[in-house]
Amino acid sequence: RLRKLNVIQKEVEPPEYDGPDAPEILLVTWGSSRGAALEAGMRLKETGKAVGNLHFDQVWPLVPEQFLDRLKSAGRVVSVEGNATGQFARLIRRETGFEIKDLILRCDGLPFTAGYILERL
């Protein structure tokens, strides 16, 4: 089984990144929060902020070499997740040691909106 994991890790799609090399704010998303986070990022860019969006289509297994430098180079990393506990941020910490301290969570059954994200930033 462990040998299979090594093979799978070679096939993992890297997360998609949009933004400058070292953004002031990096929004990390997976699943349905992507669109709202992209819109929030565009609105922040209009105010002069350097914003990046890092979106994971696949959340397991994680390949830190594909994204860890992006997390480390950002001024502030914010995980935008549709759950109550920041599960993906915890998974990233467990697998990489990098702690995402800022979370924007939603667990009321409603979709994320750019306004919701901006209010919480």
PDB file of N, CA and C in Angstrom:
ATOM      1  N   ARG A   1       0.811  -1.201   0.000  1.00  0.00           N
ATOM      2  CA  ARG A   1       0.000   0.000   0.000  1.00  0.00           C
ATOM      3  C   ARG A   1       0.854   1.264   0.000  1.00  0.00           C
ATOM      4  N   LEU A   2       1.936   1.248   0.754  1.00  0.00           N
ATOM      5  CA  LEU A   2       2.793   2.430   0.787  1.00  0.00           C
ATOM      6  C   LEU A   2       3.459   2.680  -0.559  1.00  0.00           C
ATOM      7  N   ARG A   3       3.797   1.617  -1.284  1.00  0.00           N
ATOM      8  CA  ARG A   3       4.373   1.792  -2.614  1.00  0.00           C
ATOM      9  C   ARG A   3       3.363   2.468  -3.542  1.00  0.00           C
ATOM     10  N   LYS A   4       2.095   2.134  -3.391  1.00  0.00           N
ATOM     11  CA  LYS A   4       1.055   2.749  -4.212  1.00  0.00           C
ATOM     12  C   LYS A   4       0.994   4.255  -3.966  1.00  0.00           C
ATOM     13  N   LEU A   5       1.175   4.673  -2.715  1.00  0.00           N
ATOM     14  CA  LEU A   5       1.145   6.093  -2.399  1.00  0.00           C
ATOM     15  C   LEU A   5       2.233   6.840  -3.156  1.00  0.00           C
ATOM     16  N   ASN A   6       3.422   6.257  -3.252  1.00  0.00           N
ATOM     17  CA  ASN A   6       4.514   6.890  -3.993  1.00  0.00           C
ATOM     18  C   ASN A   6       4.151   7.077  -5.460  1.00  0.00           C
ATOM     19  N   VAL A   7       3.480   6.104  -6.036  1.00  0.00           N
ATOM     20  CA  VAL A   7       3.059   6.204  -7.437  1.00  0.00           C
ATOM     21  C   VAL A   7       1.981   7.269  -7.579  1.00  0.00           C
ATOM     22  N   ILE A   8       1.016   7.278  -6.664  1.00  0.00           N
ATOM     23  CA  ILE A   8      -0.074   8.253  -6.714  1.00  0.00           C
ATOM     24  C   ILE A   8       0.466   9.668  -6.596  1.00  0.00           C
ATOM     25  N   GLN A   9       1.443   9.891  -5.717  1.00  0.00           N
ATOM     26  CA  GLN A   9       1.991  11.229  -5.517  1.00  0.00           C
ATOM     27  C   GLN A   9       2.595  11.791  -6.801  1.00  0.00           C
ATOM     28  N   LYS A  10       3.093  10.937  -7.665  1.00  0.00           N
ATOM     29  CA  LYS A  10       3.654  11.401  -8.931  1.00  0.00           C
ATOM     30  C   LYS A  10       2.564  11.859  -9.898  1.00  0.00           C
ATOM     31  N   GLU A  11       1.326  11.438  -9.659  1.00  0.00           N
ATOM     32  CA  GLU A  11       0.209  11.764 -10.544  1.00  0.00           C
ATOM     33  C   GLU A  11      -0.653  12.922 -10.029  1.00  0.00           C
ATOM     34  N   VAL A  12      -0.357  13.435  -8.847  1.00  0.00           N
ATOM     35  CA  VAL A  12      -1.173  14.480  -8.238  1.00  0.00           C
ATOM     36  C   VAL A  12      -1.089  15.764  -9.067  1.00  0.00           C
ATOM     37  N   GLU A  13      -2.251  16.329  -9.346  1.00  0.00           N
ATOM     38  CA  GLU A  13      -2.318  17.612 -10.040  1.00  0.00           C
ATOM     39  C   GLU A  13      -1.905  18.718  -9.068  1.00  0.00           C
ATOM     40  N   PRO A  14      -0.994  19.590  -9.455  1.00  0.00           N
ATOM     41  CA  PRO A  14      -0.613  20.674  -8.549  1.00  0.00           C
ATOM     42  C   PRO A  14      -1.760  21.665  -8.396  1.00  0.00           C
ATOM     43  N   PRO A  15      -1.803  22.370  -7.273  1.00  0.00           N
ATOM     44  CA  PRO A  15      -2.841  23.392  -7.112  1.00  0.00           C
ATOM     45  C   PRO A  15      -2.637  24.508  -8.134  1.00  0.00           C
ATOM     46  N   GLU A  16      -3.743  25.140  -8.515  1.00  0.00           N
ATOM     47  CA  GLU A  16      -3.677  26.249  -9.475  1.00  0.00           C
ATOM     48  C   GLU A  16      -3.413  27.546  -8.714  1.00  0.00           C
ATOM     49  N   TYR A  17      -2.498  28.338  -9.247  1.00  0.00           N
ATOM     50  CA  TYR A  17      -2.148  29.595  -8.594  1.00  0.00           C
ATOM     51  C   TYR A  17      -2.379  30.761  -9.530  1.00  0.00           C
ATOM     52  N   ASP A  18      -2.938  31.815  -8.977  1.00  0.00           N
ATOM     53  CA  ASP A  18      -3.128  33.065  -9.704  1.00  0.00           C
ATOM     54  C   ASP A  18      -2.668  34.193  -8.799  1.00  0.00           C
ATOM     55  N   GLY A  19      -1.710  34.979  -9.269  1.00  0.00           N
ATOM     56  CA  GLY A  19      -1.263  36.116  -8.481  1.00  0.00           C
ATOM     57  C   GLY A  19       0.228  36.341  -8.577  1.00  0.00           C
ATOM     58  N   PRO A  20       0.727  37.347  -7.845  1.00  0.00           N
ATOM     59  CA  PRO A  20       2.155  37.669  -7.868  1.00  0.00           C
ATOM     60  C   PRO A  20       2.968  36.640  -7.078  1.00  0.00           C
ATOM     61  N   ASP A  21       4.282  36.708  -7.224  1.00  0.00           N
ATOM     62  CA  ASP A  21       5.156  35.730  -6.570  1.00  0.00           C
ATOM     63  C   ASP A  21       5.093  35.775  -5.052  1.00  0.00           C
ATOM     64  N   ALA A  22       5.004  36.939  -4.463  1.00  0.00           N
ATOM     65  CA  ALA A  22       4.974  37.057  -2.999  1.00  0.00           C
ATOM     66  C   ALA A  22       3.822  37.980  -2.610  1.00  0.00           C
ATOM     67  N   PRO A  23       2.594  37.473  -2.609  1.00  0.00           N
ATOM     68  CA  PRO A  23       1.442  38.334  -2.339  1.00  0.00           C
ATOM     69  C   PRO A  23       1.361  38.766  -0.882  1.00  0.00           C
ATOM     70  N   GLU A  24       0.702  39.901  -0.676  1.00  0.00           N
ATOM     71  CA  GLU A  24       0.410  40.337   0.697  1.00  0.00           C
ATOM     72  C   GLU A  24      -0.566  39.357   1.349  1.00  0.00           C
ATOM     73  N   ILE A  25      -1.566  38.943   0.576  1.00  0.00           N
ATOM     74  CA  ILE A  25      -2.600  38.026   1.054  1.00  0.00           C
ATOM     75  C   ILE A  25      -2.686  36.865   0.079  1.00  0.00           C
ATOM     76  N   LEU A  26      -2.704  35.650   0.609  1.00  0.00           N
ATOM     77  CA  LEU A  26      -2.879  34.454  -0.203  1.00  0.00           C
ATOM     78  C   LEU A  26      -4.129  33.733   0.284  1.00  0.00           C
ATOM     79  N   LEU A  27      -5.119  33.608  -0.589  1.00  0.00           N
ATOM     80  CA  LEU A  27      -6.350  32.895  -0.268  1.00  0.00           C
ATOM     81  C   LEU A  27      -6.209  31.456  -0.745  1.00  0.00           C
ATOM     82  N   VAL A  28      -6.320  30.516   0.178  1.00  0.00           N
ATOM     83  CA  VAL A  28      -6.202  29.091  -0.129  1.00  0.00           C
ATOM     84  C   VAL A  28      -7.605  28.491  -0.147  1.00  0.00           C
ATOM     85  N   THR A  29      -7.939  27.821  -1.248  1.00  0.00           N
ATOM     86  CA  THR A  29      -9.284  27.259  -1.385  1.00  0.00           C
ATOM     87  C   THR A  29      -9.228  25.837  -1.909  1.00  0.00           C
ATOM     88  N   TRP A  30     -10.343  25.156  -1.707  1.00  0.00           N
ATOM     89  CA  TRP A  30     -10.611  23.869  -2.345  1.00  0.00           C
ATOM     90  C   TRP A  30     -12.129  23.772  -2.474  1.00  0.00           C
ATOM     91  N   GLY A  31     -12.583  23.064  -3.457  1.00  0.00           N
ATOM     92  CA  GLY A  31     -14.022  22.904  -3.608  1.00  0.00           C
ATOM     93  C   GLY A  31     -14.712  24.171  -4.072  1.00  0.00           C
ATOM     94  N   SER A  32     -15.926  24.375  -3.574  1.00  0.00           N
ATOM     95  CA  SER A  32     -16.806  25.418  -4.102  1.00  0.00           C
ATOM     96  C   SER A  32     -16.461  26.838  -3.663  1.00  0.00           C
ATOM     97  N   SER A  33     -15.497  27.016  -2.784  1.00  0.00           N
ATOM     98  CA  SER A  33     -15.138  28.375  -2.350  1.00  0.00           C
ATOM     99  C   SER A  33     -14.271  29.102  -3.376  1.00  0.00           C
ATOM    100  N   ARG A  34     -13.853  28.414  -4.410  1.00  0.00           N
ATOM    101  CA  ARG A  34     -12.915  28.977  -5.384  1.00  0.00           C
ATOM    102  C   ARG A  34     -13.420  30.263  -6.048  1.00  0.00           C
ATOM    103  N   GLY A  35     -14.601  30.232  -6.639  1.00  0.00           N
ATOM    104  CA  GLY A  35     -15.114  31.377  -7.388  1.00  0.00           C
ATOM    105  C   GLY A  35     -15.247  32.620  -6.535  1.00  0.00           C
ATOM    106  N   ALA A  36     -15.793  32.454  -5.342  1.00  0.00           N
ATOM    107  CA  ALA A  36     -15.964  33.597  -4.447  1.00  0.00           C
ATOM    108  C   ALA A  36     -14.614  34.162  -4.027  1.00  0.00           C
ATOM    109  N   ALA A  37     -13.643  33.293  -3.790  1.00  0.00           N
ATOM    110  CA  ALA A  37     -12.310  33.760  -3.399  1.00  0.00           C
ATOM    111  C   ALA A  37     -11.616  34.473  -4.556  1.00  0.00           C
ATOM    112  N   LEU A  38     -11.802  33.985  -5.774  1.00  0.00           N
ATOM    113  CA  LEU A  38     -11.222  34.674  -6.928  1.00  0.00           C
ATOM    114  C   LEU A  38     -11.817  36.076  -7.079  1.00  0.00           C
ATOM    115  N   GLU A  39     -13.133  36.178  -6.901  1.00  0.00           N
ATOM    116  CA  GLU A  39     -13.778  37.493  -6.994  1.00  0.00           C
ATOM    117  C   GLU A  39     -13.308  38.408  -5.871  1.00  0.00           C
ATOM    118  N   ALA A  40     -13.202  37.875  -4.658  1.00  0.00           N
ATOM    119  CA  ALA A  40     -12.708  38.683  -3.540  1.00  0.00           C
ATOM    120  C   ALA A  40     -11.286  39.162  -3.825  1.00  0.00           C
ATOM    121  N   GLY A  41     -10.461  38.274  -4.387  1.00  0.00           N
ATOM    122  CA  GLY A  41      -9.099  38.655  -4.747  1.00  0.00           C
ATOM    123  C   GLY A  41      -9.066  39.765  -5.778  1.00  0.00           C
ATOM    124  N   MET A  42      -9.945  39.678  -6.783  1.00  0.00           N
ATOM    125  CA  MET A  42     -10.001  40.735  -7.805  1.00  0.00           C
ATOM    126  C   MET A  42     -10.400  42.072  -7.189  1.00  0.00           C
ATOM    127  N   ARG A  43     -11.353  42.051  -6.270  1.00  0.00           N
ATOM    128  CA  ARG A  43     -11.774  43.297  -5.616  1.00  0.00           C
ATOM    129  C   ARG A  43     -10.640  43.893  -4.783  1.00  0.00           C
ATOM    130  N   LEU A  44      -9.894  43.034  -4.093  1.00  0.00           N
ATOM    131  CA  LEU A  44      -8.768  43.522  -3.300  1.00  0.00           C
ATOM    132  C   LEU A  44      -7.670  44.097  -4.191  1.00  0.00           C
ATOM    133  N   LYS A  45      -7.443  43.466  -5.340  1.00  0.00           N
ATOM    134  CA  LYS A  45      -6.438  43.974  -6.279  1.00  0.00           C
ATOM    135  C   LYS A  45      -6.801  45.375  -6.748  1.00  0.00           C
ATOM    136  N   GLU A  46      -8.094  45.632  -6.899  1.00  0.00           N
ATOM    137  CA  GLU A  46      -8.543  46.959  -7.322  1.00  0.00           C
ATOM    138  C   GLU A  46      -8.215  48.035  -6.294  1.00  0.00           C
ATOM    139  N   THR A  47      -8.032  47.641  -5.043  1.00  0.00           N
ATOM    140  CA  THR A  47      -7.672  48.583  -3.989  1.00  0.00           C
ATOM    141  C   THR A  47      -6.156  48.693  -3.820  1.00  0.00           C
ATOM    142  N   GLY A  48      -5.404  47.988  -4.671  1.00  0.00           N
ATOM    143  CA  GLY A  48      -3.952  48.071  -4.614  1.00  0.00           C
ATOM    144  C   GLY A  48      -3.269  46.961  -3.844  1.00  0.00           C
ATOM    145  N   LYS A  49      -4.011  46.017  -3.335  1.00  0.00           N
ATOM    146  CA  LYS A  49      -3.409  44.901  -2.598  1.00  0.00           C
ATOM    147  C   LYS A  49      -2.846  43.871  -3.569  1.00  0.00           C
ATOM    148  N   ALA A  50      -1.745  43.262  -3.175  1.00  0.00           N
ATOM    149  CA  ALA A  50      -1.178  42.147  -3.935  1.00  0.00           C
ATOM    150  C   ALA A  50      -1.792  40.870  -3.366  1.00  0.00           C
ATOM    151  N   VAL A  51      -2.635  40.231  -4.165  1.00  0.00           N
ATOM    152  CA  VAL A  51      -3.399  39.074  -3.693  1.00  0.00           C
ATOM    153  C   VAL A  51      -3.138  37.874  -4.594  1.00  0.00           C
ATOM    154  N   GLY A  52      -2.997  36.717  -3.978  1.00  0.00           N
ATOM    155  CA  GLY A  52      -2.868  35.467  -4.717  1.00  0.00           C
ATOM    156  C   GLY A  52      -3.980  34.518  -4.325  1.00  0.00           C
ATOM    157  N   ASN A  53      -4.333  33.642  -5.246  1.00  0.00           N
ATOM    158  CA  ASN A  53      -5.322  32.590  -4.987  1.00  0.00           C
ATOM    159  C   ASN A  53      -4.671  31.253  -5.302  1.00  0.00           C
ATOM    160  N   LEU A  54      -4.698  30.354  -4.334  1.00  0.00           N
ATOM    161  CA  LEU A  54      -4.142  29.007  -4.496  1.00  0.00           C
ATOM    162  C   LEU A  54      -5.282  28.022  -4.314  1.00  0.00           C
ATOM    163  N   HIS A  55      -5.662  27.343  -5.411  1.00  0.00           N
ATOM    164  CA  HIS A  55      -6.816  26.447  -5.366  1.00  0.00           C
ATOM    165  C   HIS A  55      -6.392  24.994  -5.584  1.00  0.00           C
ATOM    166  N   PHE A  56      -6.849  24.129  -4.679  1.00  0.00           N
ATOM    167  CA  PHE A  56      -6.558  22.705  -4.744  1.00  0.00           C
ATOM    168  C   PHE A  56      -7.760  21.965  -5.328  1.00  0.00           C
ATOM    169  N   ASP A  57      -7.562  21.345  -6.494  1.00  0.00           N
ATOM    170  CA  ASP A  57      -8.597  20.460  -7.038  1.00  0.00           C
ATOM    171  C   ASP A  57      -8.541  19.105  -6.351  1.00  0.00           C
ATOM    172  N   GLN A  58      -7.342  18.699  -5.969  1.00  0.00           N
ATOM    173  CA  GLN A  58      -7.143  17.448  -5.252  1.00  0.00           C
ATOM    174  C   GLN A  58      -6.601  17.789  -3.871  1.00  0.00           C
ATOM    175  N   VAL A  59      -7.180  17.197  -2.843  1.00  0.00           N
ATOM    176  CA  VAL A  59      -6.731  17.511  -1.492  1.00  0.00           C
ATOM    177  C   VAL A  59      -5.969  16.359  -0.827  1.00  0.00           C
ATOM    178  N   TRP A  60      -5.881  15.241  -1.503  1.00  0.00           N
ATOM    179  CA  TRP A  60      -5.109  14.115  -0.963  1.00  0.00           C
ATOM    180  C   TRP A  60      -4.688  13.212  -2.088  1.00  0.00           C
ATOM    181  N   PRO A  61      -3.465  12.757  -2.060  1.00  0.00           N
ATOM    182  CA  PRO A  61      -2.401  13.128  -1.135  1.00  0.00           C
ATOM    183  C   PRO A  61      -1.846  14.516  -1.476  1.00  0.00           C
ATOM    184  N   LEU A  62      -1.294  15.154  -0.484  1.00  0.00           N
ATOM    185  CA  LEU A  62      -0.656  16.448  -0.687  1.00  0.00           C
ATOM    186  C   LEU A  62       0.815  16.230  -1.055  1.00  0.00           C
ATOM    187  N   VAL A  63       1.299  17.052  -1.972  1.00  0.00           N
ATOM    188  CA  VAL A  63       2.709  17.025  -2.359  1.00  0.00           C
ATOM    189  C   VAL A  63       3.261  18.411  -2.029  1.00  0.00           C
ATOM    190  N   PRO A  64       3.867  18.568  -0.857  1.00  0.00           N
ATOM    191  CA  PRO A  64       4.302  19.891  -0.401  1.00  0.00           C
ATOM    192  C   PRO A  64       5.186  20.642  -1.393  1.00  0.00           C
ATOM    193  N   GLU A  65       5.981  19.944  -2.170  1.00  0.00           N
ATOM    194  CA  GLU A  65       6.863  20.602  -3.130  1.00  0.00           C
ATOM    195  C   GLU A  65       6.069  21.398  -4.169  1.00  0.00           C
ATOM    196  N   GLN A  66       4.807  21.069  -4.345  1.00  0.00           N
ATOM    197  CA  GLN A  66       3.983  21.755  -5.330  1.00  0.00           C
ATOM    198  C   GLN A  66       3.453  23.106  -4.850  1.00  0.00           C
ATOM    199  N   PHE A  67       3.461  23.366  -3.526  1.00  0.00           N
ATOM    200  CA  PHE A  67       2.796  24.572  -3.034  1.00  0.00           C
ATOM    201  C   PHE A  67       3.417  25.224  -1.808  1.00  0.00           C
ATOM    202  N   LEU A  68       4.276  24.556  -1.088  1.00  0.00           N
ATOM    203  CA  LEU A  68       4.773  25.078   0.187  1.00  0.00           C
ATOM    204  C   LEU A  68       5.502  26.411   0.033  1.00  0.00           C
ATOM    205  N   ASP A  69       6.275  26.584  -1.039  1.00  0.00           N
ATOM    206  CA  ASP A  69       6.972  27.856  -1.244  1.00  0.00           C
ATOM    207  C   ASP A  69       5.987  29.010  -1.408  1.00  0.00           C
ATOM    208  N   ARG A  70       4.840  28.754  -2.033  1.00  0.00           N
ATOM    209  CA  ARG A  70       3.806  29.794  -2.180  1.00  0.00           C
ATOM    210  C   ARG A  70       3.299  30.232  -0.805  1.00  0.00           C
ATOM    211  N   LEU A  71       3.070  29.277   0.069  1.00  0.00           N
ATOM    212  CA  LEU A  71       2.583  29.605   1.411  1.00  0.00           C
ATOM    213  C   LEU A  71       3.625  30.421   2.169  1.00  0.00           C
ATOM    214  N   LYS A  72       4.856  29.993   2.094  1.00  0.00           N
ATOM    215  CA  LYS A  72       5.929  30.659   2.833  1.00  0.00           C
ATOM    216  C   LYS A  72       6.219  32.066   2.331  1.00  0.00           C
ATOM    217  N   SER A  73       5.996  32.317   1.054  1.00  0.00           N
ATOM    218  CA  SER A  73       6.337  33.628   0.494  1.00  0.00           C
ATOM    219  C   SER A  73       5.238  34.669   0.693  1.00  0.00           C
ATOM    220  N   ALA A  74       4.066  34.254   1.112  1.00  0.00           N
ATOM    221  CA  ALA A  74       2.949  35.192   1.287  1.00  0.00           C
ATOM    222  C   ALA A  74       3.040  35.899   2.632  1.00  0.00           C
ATOM    223  N   GLY A  75       2.578  37.145   2.655  1.00  0.00           N
ATOM    224  CA  GLY A  75       2.546  37.891   3.906  1.00  0.00           C
ATOM    225  C   GLY A  75       1.514  37.328   4.878  1.00  0.00           C
ATOM    226  N   ARG A  76       0.333  37.045   4.363  1.00  0.00           N
ATOM    227  CA  ARG A  76      -0.764  36.521   5.175  1.00  0.00           C
ATOM    228  C   ARG A  76      -1.452  35.424   4.376  1.00  0.00           C
ATOM    229  N   VAL A  77      -1.597  34.257   4.980  1.00  0.00           N
ATOM    230  CA  VAL A  77      -2.251  33.129   4.324  1.00  0.00           C
ATOM    231  C   VAL A  77      -3.592  32.894   5.007  1.00  0.00           C
ATOM    232  N   VAL A  78      -4.650  32.823   4.191  1.00  0.00           N
ATOM    233  CA  VAL A  78      -6.005  32.662   4.709  1.00  0.00           C
ATOM    234  C   VAL A  78      -6.636  31.460   4.017  1.00  0.00           C
ATOM    235  N   SER A  79      -7.103  30.512   4.798  1.00  0.00           N
ATOM    236  CA  SER A  79      -7.801  29.353   4.241  1.00  0.00           C
ATOM    237  C   SER A  79      -9.303  29.635   4.246  1.00  0.00           C
ATOM    238  N   VAL A  80      -9.936  29.464   3.083  1.00  0.00           N
ATOM    239  CA  VAL A  80     -11.364  29.696   2.927  1.00  0.00           C
ATOM    240  C   VAL A  80     -12.015  28.327   2.751  1.00  0.00           C
ATOM    241  N   GLU A  81     -12.780  27.900   3.770  1.00  0.00           N
ATOM    242  CA  GLU A  81     -13.288  26.527   3.776  1.00  0.00           C
ATOM    243  C   GLU A  81     -14.758  26.455   4.164  1.00  0.00           C
ATOM    244  N   GLY A  82     -15.440  25.516   3.554  1.00  0.00           N
ATOM    245  CA  GLY A  82     -16.838  25.266   3.857  1.00  0.00           C
ATOM    246  C   GLY A  82     -17.002  24.196   4.917  1.00  0.00           C
ATOM    247  N   ASN A  83     -16.475  24.441   6.092  1.00  0.00           N
ATOM    248  CA  ASN A  83     -16.647  23.554   7.243  1.00  0.00           C
ATOM    249  C   ASN A  83     -16.427  24.357   8.517  1.00  0.00           C
ATOM    250  N   ALA A  84     -16.682  23.754   9.653  1.00  0.00           N
ATOM    251  CA  ALA A  84     -16.645  24.484  10.925  1.00  0.00           C
ATOM    252  C   ALA A  84     -15.280  24.495  11.609  1.00  0.00           C
ATOM    253  N   THR A  85     -14.340  23.676  11.131  1.00  0.00           N
ATOM    254  CA  THR A  85     -13.116  23.502  11.904  1.00  0.00           C
ATOM    255  C   THR A  85     -11.815  23.775  11.158  1.00  0.00           C
ATOM    256  N   GLY A  86     -11.860  24.146   9.899  1.00  0.00           N
ATOM    257  CA  GLY A  86     -10.628  24.375   9.149  1.00  0.00           C
ATOM    258  C   GLY A  86      -9.885  23.082   8.861  1.00  0.00           C
ATOM    259  N   GLN A  87     -10.618  22.091   8.403  1.00  0.00           N
ATOM    260  CA  GLN A  87     -10.034  20.760   8.181  1.00  0.00           C
ATOM    261  C   GLN A  87      -8.857  20.778   7.216  1.00  0.00           C
ATOM    262  N   PHE A  88      -8.973  21.523   6.124  1.00  0.00           N
ATOM    263  CA  PHE A  88      -7.894  21.520   5.134  1.00  0.00           C
ATOM    264  C   PHE A  88      -6.657  22.236   5.675  1.00  0.00           C
ATOM    265  N   ALA A  89      -6.846  23.315   6.385  1.00  0.00           N
ATOM    266  CA  ALA A  89      -5.711  24.015   6.998  1.00  0.00           C
ATOM    267  C   ALA A  89      -4.989  23.091   7.976  1.00  0.00           C
ATOM    268  N   ARG A  90      -5.750  22.305   8.718  1.00  0.00           N
ATOM    269  CA  ARG A  90      -5.130  21.342   9.649  1.00  0.00           C
ATOM    270  C   ARG A  90      -4.375  20.255   8.898  1.00  0.00           C
ATOM    271  N   LEU A  91      -4.930  19.808   7.768  1.00  0.00           N
ATOM    272  CA  LEU A  91      -4.255  18.795   6.960  1.00  0.00           C
ATOM    273  C   LEU A  91      -2.938  19.345   6.410  1.00  0.00           C
ATOM    274  N   ILE A  92      -2.954  20.579   5.936  1.00  0.00           N
ATOM    275  CA  ILE A  92      -1.717  21.197   5.451  1.00  0.00           C
ATOM    276  C   ILE A  92      -0.690  21.281   6.577  1.00  0.00           C
ATOM    277  N   ARG A  93      -1.115  21.683   7.768  1.00  0.00           N
ATOM    278  CA  ARG A  93      -0.174  21.750   8.903  1.00  0.00           C
ATOM    279  C   ARG A  93       0.384  20.373   9.222  1.00  0.00           C
ATOM    280  N   ARG A  94      -0.476  19.369   9.218  1.00  0.00           N
ATOM    281  CA  ARG A  94      -0.026  18.010   9.540  1.00  0.00           C
ATOM    282  C   ARG A  94       0.989  17.497   8.529  1.00  0.00           C
ATOM    283  N   GLU A  95       0.777  17.808   7.259  1.00  0.00           N
ATOM    284  CA  GLU A  95       1.636  17.265   6.207  1.00  0.00           C
ATOM    285  C   GLU A  95       2.876  18.099   5.928  1.00  0.00           C
ATOM    286  N   THR A  96       2.859  19.400   6.280  1.00  0.00           N
ATOM    287  CA  THR A  96       3.981  20.274   5.929  1.00  0.00           C
ATOM    288  C   THR A  96       4.619  20.976   7.118  1.00  0.00           C
ATOM    289  N   GLY A  97       3.891  21.097   8.217  1.00  0.00           N
ATOM    290  CA  GLY A  97       4.374  21.869   9.353  1.00  0.00           C
ATOM    291  C   GLY A  97       4.018  23.346   9.255  1.00  0.00           C
ATOM    292  N   PHE A  98       3.469  23.778   8.111  1.00  0.00           N
ATOM    293  CA  PHE A  98       3.088  25.177   7.924  1.00  0.00           C
ATOM    294  C   PHE A  98       1.702  25.396   8.516  1.00  0.00           C
ATOM    295  N   GLU A  99       1.602  26.359   9.427  1.00  0.00           N
ATOM    296  CA  GLU A  99       0.318  26.641  10.062  1.00  0.00           C
ATOM    297  C   GLU A  99      -0.368  27.832   9.399  1.00  0.00           C
ATOM    298  N   ILE A 100      -1.552  27.583   8.886  1.00  0.00           N
ATOM    299  CA  ILE A 100      -2.383  28.665   8.361  1.00  0.00           C
ATOM    300  C   ILE A 100      -3.204  29.169   9.540  1.00  0.00           C
ATOM    301  N   LYS A 101      -2.884  30.366   9.987  1.00  0.00           N
ATOM    302  CA  LYS A 101      -3.498  30.887  11.208  1.00  0.00           C
ATOM    303  C   LYS A 101      -4.840  31.561  10.965  1.00  0.00           C
ATOM    304  N   ASP A 102      -5.035  32.096   9.750  1.00  0.00           N
ATOM    305  CA  ASP A 102      -6.274  32.817   9.460  1.00  0.00           C
ATOM    306  C   ASP A 102      -7.228  31.929   8.674  1.00  0.00           C
ATOM    307  N   LEU A 103      -8.432  31.789   9.187  1.00  0.00           N
ATOM    308  CA  LEU A 103      -9.447  30.947   8.564  1.00  0.00           C
ATOM    309  C   LEU A 103     -10.716  31.752   8.312  1.00  0.00           C
ATOM    310  N   ILE A 104     -11.298  31.550   7.160  1.00  0.00           N
ATOM    311  CA  ILE A 104     -12.640  32.044   6.887  1.00  0.00           C
ATOM    312  C   ILE A 104     -13.478  30.804   6.640  1.00  0.00           C
ATOM    313  N   LEU A 105     -14.354  30.516   7.582  1.00  0.00           N
ATOM    314  CA  LEU A 105     -15.132  29.283   7.547  1.00  0.00           C
ATOM    315  C   LEU A 105     -16.608  29.589   7.351  1.00  0.00           C
ATOM    316  N   ARG A 106     -17.272  28.653   6.714  1.00  0.00           N
ATOM    317  CA  ARG A 106     -18.717  28.787   6.548  1.00  0.00           C
ATOM    318  C   ARG A 106     -19.316  27.392   6.658  1.00  0.00           C
ATOM    319  N   CYS A 107     -20.271  27.245   7.565  1.00  0.00           N
ATOM    320  CA  CYS A 107     -20.879  25.932   7.755  1.00  0.00           C
ATOM    321  C   CYS A 107     -22.384  26.047   7.989  1.00  0.00           C
ATOM    322  N   ASP A 108     -22.984  27.095   7.403  1.00  0.00           N
ATOM    323  CA  ASP A 108     -24.417  27.308   7.600  1.00  0.00           C
ATOM    324  C   ASP A 108     -25.250  26.838   6.407  1.00  0.00           C
ATOM    325  N   GLY A 109     -24.604  26.157   5.457  1.00  0.00           N
ATOM    326  CA  GLY A 109     -25.314  25.647   4.301  1.00  0.00           C
ATOM    327  C   GLY A 109     -25.442  26.630   3.157  1.00  0.00           C
ATOM    328  N   LEU A 110     -25.025  27.867   3.365  1.00  0.00           N
ATOM    329  CA  LEU A 110     -25.087  28.880   2.312  1.00  0.00           C
ATOM    330  C   LEU A 110     -23.758  28.922   1.556  1.00  0.00           C
ATOM    331  N   PRO A 111     -23.773  29.356   0.311  1.00  0.00           N
ATOM    332  CA  PRO A 111     -22.529  29.415  -0.454  1.00  0.00           C
ATOM    333  C   PRO A 111     -21.672  30.616  -0.044  1.00  0.00           C
ATOM    334  N   PHE A 112     -20.380  30.488  -0.291  1.00  0.00           N
ATOM    335  CA  PHE A 112     -19.484  31.628  -0.104  1.00  0.00           C
ATOM    336  C   PHE A 112     -19.800  32.689  -1.139  1.00  0.00           C
ATOM    337  N   THR A 113     -19.616  33.933  -0.755  1.00  0.00           N
ATOM    338  CA  THR A 113     -19.673  35.058  -1.682  1.00  0.00           C
ATOM    339  C   THR A 113     -18.412  35.879  -1.460  1.00  0.00           C
ATOM    340  N   ALA A 114     -18.080  36.691  -2.452  1.00  0.00           N
ATOM    341  CA  ALA A 114     -16.922  37.572  -2.288  1.00  0.00           C
ATOM    342  C   ALA A 114     -17.133  38.511  -1.102  1.00  0.00           C
ATOM    343  N   GLY A 115     -18.349  39.026  -0.953  1.00  0.00           N
ATOM    344  CA  GLY A 115     -18.650  39.921   0.164  1.00  0.00           C
ATOM    345  C   GLY A 115     -18.432  39.256   1.513  1.00  0.00           C
ATOM    346  N   TYR A 116     -18.830  38.002   1.630  1.00  0.00           N
ATOM    347  CA  TYR A 116     -18.650  37.246   2.876  1.00  0.00           C
ATOM    348  C   TYR A 116     -17.172  37.153   3.219  1.00  0.00           C
ATOM    349  N   ILE A 117     -16.360  36.853   2.212  1.00  0.00           N
ATOM    350  CA  ILE A 117     -14.911  36.721   2.425  1.00  0.00           C
ATOM    351  C   ILE A 117     -14.295  38.065   2.772  1.00  0.00           C
ATOM    352  N   LEU A 118     -14.659  39.112   2.049  1.00  0.00           N
ATOM    353  CA  LEU A 118     -14.095  40.435   2.300  1.00  0.00           C
ATOM    354  C   LEU A 118     -14.460  40.961   3.683  1.00  0.00           C
ATOM    355  N   GLU A 119     -15.664  40.713   4.139  1.00  0.00           N
ATOM    356  CA  GLU A 119     -16.076  41.150   5.481  1.00  0.00           C
ATOM    357  C   GLU A 119     -15.223  40.514   6.546  1.00  0.00           C
ATOM    358  N   ARG A 120     -14.821  39.282   6.334  1.00  0.00           N
ATOM    359  CA  ARG A 120     -14.057  38.555   7.335  1.00  0.00           C
ATOM    360  C   ARG A 120     -12.545  38.786   7.237  1.00  0.00           C
ATOM    361  N   LEU A 121     -12.102  39.286   6.116  1.00  0.00           N
ATOM    362  CA  LEU A 121     -10.687  39.638   6.007  1.00  0.00           C
ATOM    363  C   LEU A 121     -10.383  40.876   6.831  1.00  0.00           C
TER     364      LEU A 121
END
